[in-house]
Amino acid sequence: MSFNKFALFAASVAAVLASATVPAFAQQIRAKVTLPFETRWGGAVLPAGDYVISTEAAVPLPSIHVRGEGLNVTVLSGSVSFTGVDEQGGHLEIADVNGTHVVTKLHSGLGGRDFAFMIPKRLKTQGYGVVALQKASIPVSNGR
């Protein structure tokens, strides 16, 4: 087999494999949440207020788009797990880290996915260890 035929074959196999993975990420998530206090989510600082949370359909990158209160940010997730559809709805898990509220998880509810988020390095390097004293669960409504 010549190099050109092999390259074409390899590209075809890659395309088939890529299309096979799209359905797992194809469902777009769109939800609304009201943050009762200033919250860090990845590198973004979100003031208290109303936000729309979404993902892009068919994009395999584990990222969340957050829009509201004059902000439009994208936050990368550390990991995504598939949990199945939860008819009860979703929620944000927010930890109080040394007095700073930080999003550590998004349970998407009807989207059937859990997104985990890292605590920003800046909070870890302020001269004291990370202490998550309390966790809050903020409901996320399914919205269109």
C-alpha atoms as a PDB file:
ATOM      1  CA  MET A   1       0.000   0.000   0.000  1.00  0.00           C
ATOM      2  CA  SER A   2       1.429   3.360  -0.980  1.00  0.00           C
ATOM      3  CA  PHE A   3       1.819   6.197   1.506  1.00  0.00           C
ATOM      4  CA  ASN A   4      -1.009   8.210  -0.114  1.00  0.00           C
ATOM      5  CA  LYS A   5      -3.447   5.280   0.083  1.00  0.00           C
ATOM      6  CA  PHE A   6      -2.433   4.637   3.691  1.00  0.00           C
ATOM      7  CA  ALA A   7      -2.909   8.318   4.595  1.00  0.00           C
ATOM      8  CA  LEU A   8      -6.370   8.312   2.987  1.00  0.00           C
ATOM      9  CA  PHE A   9      -7.280   5.099   4.823  1.00  0.00           C
ATOM     10  CA  ALA A  10      -6.046   6.500   8.166  1.00  0.00           C
ATOM     11  CA  ALA A  11      -7.996   9.726   7.637  1.00  0.00           C
ATOM     12  CA  SER A  12     -11.152   7.733   6.835  1.00  0.00           C
ATOM     13  CA  VAL A  13     -10.772   5.625   9.986  1.00  0.00           C
ATOM     14  CA  ALA A  14     -10.198   8.768  12.078  1.00  0.00           C
ATOM     15  CA  ALA A  15     -13.329  10.382  10.614  1.00  0.00           C
ATOM     16  CA  VAL A  16     -15.437   7.302  11.406  1.00  0.00           C
ATOM     17  CA  LEU A  17     -14.110   7.135  14.962  1.00  0.00           C
ATOM     18  CA  ALA A  18     -14.684  10.853  15.487  1.00  0.00           C
ATOM     19  CA  SER A  19     -18.258  10.633  14.237  1.00  0.00           C
ATOM     20  CA  ALA A  20     -18.880   7.688  16.564  1.00  0.00           C
ATOM     21  CA  THR A  21     -17.963   9.827  19.581  1.00  0.00           C
ATOM     22  CA  VAL A  22     -20.120  12.823  18.620  1.00  0.00           C
ATOM     23  CA  PRO A  23     -23.489  11.477  19.880  1.00  0.00           C
ATOM     24  CA  ALA A  24     -22.240  11.324  23.482  1.00  0.00           C
ATOM     25  CA  PHE A  25     -21.608  15.064  23.378  1.00  0.00           C
ATOM     26  CA  ALA A  26     -24.273  16.033  20.848  1.00  0.00           C
ATOM     27  CA  GLN A  27     -26.947  17.066  23.308  1.00  0.00           C
ATOM     28  CA  GLN A  28     -26.673  20.733  24.127  1.00  0.00           C
ATOM     29  CA  ILE A  29     -27.208  21.715  27.735  1.00  0.00           C
ATOM     30  CA  ARG A  30     -28.945  24.997  28.446  1.00  0.00           C
ATOM     31  CA  ALA A  31     -29.956  25.978  31.959  1.00  0.00           C
ATOM     32  CA  LYS A  32     -30.527  28.980  34.207  1.00  0.00           C
ATOM     33  CA  VAL A  33     -29.131  29.639  37.653  1.00  0.00           C
ATOM     34  CA  THR A  34     -29.293  32.462  40.181  1.00  0.00           C
ATOM     35  CA  LEU A  35     -26.108  32.914  42.194  1.00  0.00           C
ATOM     36  CA  PRO A  36     -26.913  34.372  45.624  1.00  0.00           C
ATOM     37  CA  PHE A  37     -23.333  35.551  46.201  1.00  0.00           C
ATOM     38  CA  GLU A  38     -20.129  36.374  44.294  1.00  0.00           C
ATOM     39  CA  THR A  39     -18.700  33.101  43.004  1.00  0.00           C
ATOM     40  CA  ARG A  40     -15.473  32.037  41.293  1.00  0.00           C
ATOM     41  CA  TRP A  41     -15.907  29.624  38.424  1.00  0.00           C
ATOM     42  CA  GLY A  42     -12.581  28.680  36.894  1.00  0.00           C
ATOM     43  CA  GLY A  43     -10.753  31.956  36.248  1.00  0.00           C
ATOM     44  CA  ALA A  44     -13.966  34.020  36.211  1.00  0.00           C
ATOM     45  CA  VAL A  45     -15.434  35.972  39.108  1.00  0.00           C
ATOM     46  CA  LEU A  46     -19.219  36.097  38.799  1.00  0.00           C
ATOM     47  CA  PRO A  47     -21.176  38.639  40.845  1.00  0.00           C
ATOM     48  CA  ALA A  48     -24.452  37.563  42.430  1.00  0.00           C
ATOM     49  CA  GLY A  49     -27.211  37.453  39.847  1.00  0.00           C
ATOM     50  CA  ASP A  50     -28.940  35.511  37.072  1.00  0.00           C
ATOM     51  CA  TYR A  51     -26.985  33.451  34.531  1.00  0.00           C
ATOM     52  CA  VAL A  52     -27.568  31.178  31.558  1.00  0.00           C
ATOM     53  CA  ILE A  53     -25.322  28.112  31.391  1.00  0.00           C
ATOM     54  CA  SER A  54     -24.824  26.253  28.112  1.00  0.00           C
ATOM     55  CA  THR A  55     -22.631  23.846  26.213  1.00  0.00           C
ATOM     56  CA  GLU A  56     -22.187  23.644  22.464  1.00  0.00           C
ATOM     57  CA  ALA A  57     -23.724  20.664  20.694  1.00  0.00           C
ATOM     58  CA  ALA A  58     -21.251  18.192  19.180  1.00  0.00           C
ATOM     59  CA  VAL A  59     -18.177  19.826  20.742  1.00  0.00           C
ATOM     60  CA  PRO A  60     -16.118  17.246  22.648  1.00  0.00           C
ATOM     61  CA  LEU A  61     -14.257  19.819  24.758  1.00  0.00           C
ATOM     62  CA  PRO A  62     -15.532  19.797  28.331  1.00  0.00           C
ATOM     63  CA  SER A  63     -16.391  23.486  28.525  1.00  0.00           C
ATOM     64  CA  ILE A  64     -19.298  25.505  29.886  1.00  0.00           C
ATOM     65  CA  HIS A  65     -20.430  28.908  28.644  1.00  0.00           C
ATOM     66  CA  VAL A  66     -21.775  31.257  31.315  1.00  0.00           C
ATOM     67  CA  ARG A  67     -23.608  34.437  30.332  1.00  0.00           C
ATOM     68  CA  GLY A  68     -25.238  37.058  32.529  1.00  0.00           C
ATOM     69  CA  GLU A  69     -24.720  40.181  34.629  1.00  0.00           C
ATOM     70  CA  GLY A  70     -22.734  41.744  31.761  1.00  0.00           C
ATOM     71  CA  LEU A  71     -20.350  38.776  31.474  1.00  0.00           C
ATOM     72  CA  ASN A  72     -19.861  36.130  28.818  1.00  0.00           C
ATOM     73  CA  VAL A  73     -17.224  33.564  29.832  1.00  0.00           C
ATOM     74  CA  THR A  74     -16.159  30.035  28.941  1.00  0.00           C
ATOM     75  CA  VAL A  75     -14.968  27.752  31.720  1.00  0.00           C
ATOM     76  CA  LEU A  76     -13.075  24.521  31.012  1.00  0.00           C
ATOM     77  CA  SER A  77     -14.092  21.486  32.997  1.00  0.00           C
ATOM     78  CA  GLY A  78     -11.541  19.198  34.580  1.00  0.00           C
ATOM     79  CA  SER A  79     -13.624  16.122  33.829  1.00  0.00           C
ATOM     80  CA  VAL A  80     -17.036  15.050  32.592  1.00  0.00           C
ATOM     81  CA  SER A  81     -18.918  11.971  33.726  1.00  0.00           C
ATOM     82  CA  PHE A  82     -22.117  10.599  32.241  1.00  0.00           C
ATOM     83  CA  THR A  83     -24.692  10.039  34.958  1.00  0.00           C
ATOM     84  CA  GLY A  84     -27.905   9.514  33.049  1.00  0.00           C
ATOM     85  CA  VAL A  85     -30.895  11.817  32.952  1.00  0.00           C
ATOM     86  CA  ASP A  86     -32.013  13.199  36.313  1.00  0.00           C
ATOM     87  CA  GLU A  87     -35.654  14.316  36.162  1.00  0.00           C
ATOM     88  CA  GLN A  88     -35.199  16.202  39.462  1.00  0.00           C
ATOM     89  CA  GLY A  89     -33.094  18.818  37.685  1.00  0.00           C
ATOM     90  CA  GLY A  90     -29.547  19.976  38.038  1.00  0.00           C
ATOM     91  CA  HIS A  91     -27.485  21.903  40.553  1.00  0.00           C
ATOM     92  CA  LEU A  92     -24.192  23.688  41.045  1.00  0.00           C
ATOM     93  CA  GLU A  93     -22.000  22.500  43.885  1.00  0.00           C
ATOM     94  CA  ILE A  94     -20.259  25.500  45.418  1.00  0.00           C
ATOM     95  CA  ALA A  95     -17.565  25.160  48.071  1.00  0.00           C
ATOM     96  CA  ASP A  96     -16.586  27.861  50.548  1.00  0.00           C
ATOM     97  CA  VAL A  97     -12.789  27.854  50.189  1.00  0.00           C
ATOM     98  CA  ASN A  98     -11.182  30.093  52.788  1.00  0.00           C
ATOM     99  CA  GLY A  99     -14.091  32.540  52.500  1.00  0.00           C
ATOM    100  CA  THR A 100     -14.330  32.418  48.683  1.00  0.00           C
ATOM    101  CA  HIS A 101     -17.236  30.669  46.963  1.00  0.00           C
ATOM    102  CA  VAL A 102     -15.980  28.348  44.193  1.00  0.00           C
ATOM    103  CA  VAL A 103     -17.957  26.182  41.734  1.00  0.00           C
ATOM    104  CA  THR A 104     -16.622  22.634  41.995  1.00  0.00           C
ATOM    105  CA  LYS A 105     -19.323  20.714  40.107  1.00  0.00           C
ATOM    106  CA  LEU A 106     -22.214  21.184  37.688  1.00  0.00           C
ATOM    107  CA  HIS A 107     -24.779  18.394  37.665  1.00  0.00           C
ATOM    108  CA  SER A 108     -26.732  19.024  34.456  1.00  0.00           C
ATOM    109  CA  GLY A 109     -29.881  17.080  35.369  1.00  0.00           C
ATOM    110  CA  LEU A 110     -31.678  16.429  32.095  1.00  0.00           C
ATOM    111  CA  GLY A 111     -28.347  16.659  30.248  1.00  0.00           C
ATOM    112  CA  GLY A 112     -27.144  13.546  32.067  1.00  0.00           C
ATOM    113  CA  ARG A 113     -23.622  14.833  32.720  1.00  0.00           C
ATOM    114  CA  ASP A 114     -21.571  15.966  35.700  1.00  0.00           C
ATOM    115  CA  PHE A 115     -18.828  18.524  35.048  1.00  0.00           C
ATOM    116  CA  ALA A 116     -16.072  18.839  37.693  1.00  0.00           C
ATOM    117  CA  PHE A 117     -14.053  22.049  38.106  1.00  0.00           C
ATOM    118  CA  MET A 118     -10.708  22.690  39.767  1.00  0.00           C
ATOM    119  CA  ILE A 119     -10.151  25.152  42.590  1.00  0.00           C
ATOM    120  CA  PRO A 120      -8.128  28.058  41.103  1.00  0.00           C
ATOM    121  CA  LYS A 121      -4.400  27.901  41.858  1.00  0.00           C
ATOM    122  CA  ARG A 122      -4.516  31.457  43.151  1.00  0.00           C
ATOM    123  CA  LEU A 123      -6.641  30.296  46.104  1.00  0.00           C
ATOM    124  CA  LYS A 124      -4.203  27.471  46.789  1.00  0.00           C
ATOM    125  CA  THR A 125      -1.170  29.768  46.881  1.00  0.00           C
ATOM    126  CA  GLN A 126      -2.326  32.468  49.280  1.00  0.00           C
ATOM    127  CA  GLY A 127      -0.023  31.247  52.022  1.00  0.00           C
ATOM    128  CA  TYR A 128      -2.417  28.766  53.610  1.00  0.00           C
ATOM    129  CA  GLY A 129      -3.884  25.418  52.676  1.00  0.00           C
ATOM    130  CA  VAL A 130      -7.246  25.001  51.031  1.00  0.00           C
ATOM    131  CA  VAL A 131      -9.992  24.417  53.542  1.00  0.00           C
ATOM    132  CA  ALA A 132     -13.457  23.744  52.146  1.00  0.00           C
ATOM    133  CA  LEU A 133     -15.581  24.454  55.196  1.00  0.00           C
ATOM    134  CA  GLN A 134     -19.039  24.297  53.653  1.00  0.00           C
ATOM    135  CA  LYS A 135     -20.643  23.235  50.413  1.00  0.00           C
ATOM    136  CA  ALA A 136     -23.826  24.682  48.989  1.00  0.00           C
ATOM    137  CA  SER A 137     -26.067  23.241  46.312  1.00  0.00           C
ATOM    138  CA  ILE A 138     -27.656  25.885  44.052  1.00  0.00           C
ATOM    139  CA  PRO A 139     -30.538  24.611  41.872  1.00  0.00           C
ATOM    140  CA  VAL A 140     -30.168  24.876  38.099  1.00  0.00           C
ATOM    141  CA  SER A 141     -33.373  25.020  36.048  1.00  0.00           C
ATOM    142  CA  ASN A 142     -33.593  23.542  32.591  1.00  0.00           C
ATOM    143  CA  GLY A 143     -34.126  26.421  30.212  1.00  0.00           C
ATOM    144  CA  ARG A 144     -34.292  27.097  26.539  1.00  0.00           C
END
